[in-house]
Amino acid sequence: MKVLLASLTATLAMGLLAPAAQATEAPRPKQASIPFVNNDGIRDWRATDRQTLYVQDNRRKWYRATLFAPCLDLPFAQTIGFETRGTDTFDRFSTIVVRGDRCPLSSLEASEPPPKRQ
């Protein structure tokens, strides 16, 4: 009887703690994608730093691309390439090319327009 009671108490405690643990985790943003990249799917882009790039699709919707590592020349680039590796969709598995350096993305999320430059 003591074993059953201890087991029941442990199960009840786990049931009460699980929702609290889930409530403290921040929800992860939904990953986005931009279709038809090779056919004018991207309209504009703006770099805010070495690891963040805002991309606008042809419907004028903005996305924030975060890179795995800093891309050193990104803030100074006048042109960049969008490498999608066989698909015609720019997403978190894509890469940007800046002055010959390949900079892979870690995420692509729907976003507000980029912040204004000061």
Protein backbone atom coordinates (compact mmCIF):
# COMPACT_ATOMS: atom_id res chain seq x y z
CA MET A 1 0.00 0.00 0.00
CA LYS A 2 2.88 2.38 0.82
CA VAL A 3 4.45 1.69 -2.60
CA LEU A 4 1.17 2.43 -4.36
CA LEU A 5 0.72 5.63 -2.36
CA ALA A 6 4.28 6.80 -3.11
CA SER A 7 3.82 5.99 -6.79
CA LEU A 8 0.52 7.85 -6.91
CA THR A 9 2.04 10.86 -5.14
CA ALA A 10 4.98 10.96 -7.56
CA THR A 11 2.65 10.71 -10.57
CA LEU A 12 0.46 13.49 -9.22
CA ALA A 13 3.48 15.72 -8.54
CA MET A 14 4.80 15.17 -12.07
CA GLY A 15 1.40 16.03 -13.50
CA LEU A 16 1.27 19.28 -11.55
CA LEU A 17 4.84 20.32 -12.36
CA ALA A 18 4.75 19.58 -16.10
CA PRO A 19 2.34 22.42 -17.04
CA ALA A 20 4.38 24.88 -14.97
CA ALA A 21 7.57 23.90 -16.79
CA GLN A 22 5.87 24.27 -20.16
CA ALA A 23 4.49 27.70 -19.24
CA THR A 24 7.97 29.09 -18.52
CA GLU A 25 9.39 28.11 -21.91
CA ALA A 26 9.13 30.86 -24.50
CA PRO A 27 7.30 29.79 -27.65
CA ARG A 28 9.61 29.37 -30.61
CA PRO A 29 8.75 31.58 -33.59
CA LYS A 30 7.39 29.79 -36.62
CA GLN A 31 9.97 29.33 -39.36
CA ALA A 32 9.06 31.00 -42.65
CA SER A 33 10.03 30.57 -46.30
CA ILE A 34 10.05 32.77 -49.38
CA PRO A 35 9.00 30.96 -52.58
CA PHE A 36 10.13 31.65 -56.15
CA VAL A 37 13.49 33.16 -55.20
CA ASN A 38 14.87 32.53 -58.69
CA ASN A 39 11.89 34.34 -60.26
CA ASP A 40 11.91 37.71 -58.49
CA GLY A 41 10.65 36.31 -55.17
CA ILE A 42 12.92 38.68 -53.23
CA ARG A 43 12.32 42.39 -53.68
CA ASP A 44 14.70 44.02 -51.17
CA TRP A 45 17.08 43.29 -48.30
CA ARG A 46 18.80 45.22 -45.50
CA ALA A 47 21.56 44.16 -43.15
CA THR A 48 21.37 45.53 -39.62
CA ASP A 49 24.56 43.89 -38.34
CA ARG A 50 26.92 41.02 -39.15
CA GLN A 51 24.44 38.34 -38.13
CA THR A 52 21.00 39.76 -39.02
CA LEU A 53 19.51 40.32 -42.46
CA TYR A 54 16.00 41.56 -43.24
CA VAL A 55 14.57 40.27 -46.52
CA GLN A 56 11.44 41.57 -48.27
CA ASP A 57 9.50 39.32 -50.63
CA ASN A 58 7.70 40.49 -53.79
CA ARG A 59 4.48 40.96 -51.76
CA ARG A 60 6.34 43.49 -49.55
CA LYS A 61 6.32 41.21 -46.49
CA TRP A 62 9.47 41.35 -44.33
CA TYR A 63 11.42 38.44 -42.84
CA ARG A 64 14.32 38.42 -40.38
CA ALA A 65 17.13 36.01 -41.27
CA THR A 66 19.55 35.14 -38.49
CA LEU A 67 22.91 33.68 -39.48
CA PHE A 68 24.75 30.84 -37.74
CA ALA A 69 27.86 32.98 -37.36
CA PRO A 70 28.80 36.57 -38.12
CA CYS A 71 29.21 37.33 -41.81
CA LEU A 72 32.01 39.89 -41.71
CA ASP A 73 31.27 41.86 -44.88
CA LEU A 74 27.47 41.81 -44.61
CA PRO A 75 27.01 45.36 -43.22
CA PHE A 76 29.11 46.75 -46.08
CA ALA A 77 27.80 44.63 -48.96
CA GLN A 78 26.11 46.28 -51.92
CA THR A 79 25.07 42.96 -53.45
CA ILE A 80 24.46 39.51 -52.00
CA GLY A 81 23.47 36.14 -53.38
CA PHE A 82 20.71 33.87 -52.14
CA GLU A 83 21.65 30.19 -52.39
CA THR A 84 18.76 27.75 -52.02
CA ARG A 85 20.52 24.48 -52.95
CA GLY A 86 18.28 23.09 -55.65
CA THR A 87 14.93 24.38 -54.45
CA ASP A 88 13.36 27.67 -55.42
CA THR A 89 12.56 28.55 -51.79
CA PHE A 90 14.60 30.70 -49.42
CA ASP A 91 14.29 29.29 -45.89
CA ARG A 92 16.35 28.48 -42.78
CA PHE A 93 18.31 25.84 -44.73
CA SER A 94 19.51 28.43 -47.28
CA THR A 95 22.75 30.38 -47.47
CA ILE A 96 23.62 33.93 -48.43
CA VAL A 97 26.80 34.69 -50.35
CA VAL A 98 28.61 37.92 -49.52
CA ARG A 99 31.79 38.79 -51.45
CA GLY A 100 32.50 35.09 -52.01
CA ASP A 101 31.86 34.04 -48.40
CA ARG A 102 29.02 31.61 -47.76
CA CYS A 103 26.97 32.47 -44.67
CA PRO A 104 24.34 29.85 -43.70
CA LEU A 105 21.09 30.81 -41.98
CA SER A 106 20.01 29.48 -38.62
CA SER A 107 16.46 30.85 -38.85
CA LEU A 108 14.06 32.79 -41.07
CA GLU A 109 11.03 34.32 -39.37
CA ALA A 110 8.25 36.66 -40.44
CA SER A 111 9.02 40.12 -39.11
CA GLU A 112 8.16 43.77 -39.02
CA PRO A 113 10.22 46.04 -41.32
CA PRO A 114 13.83 46.54 -40.26
CA PRO A 115 14.60 49.27 -37.75
CA LYS A 116 15.34 52.72 -39.18
CA ARG A 117 18.97 53.66 -39.57
CA GLN A 118 20.21 56.37 -37.27
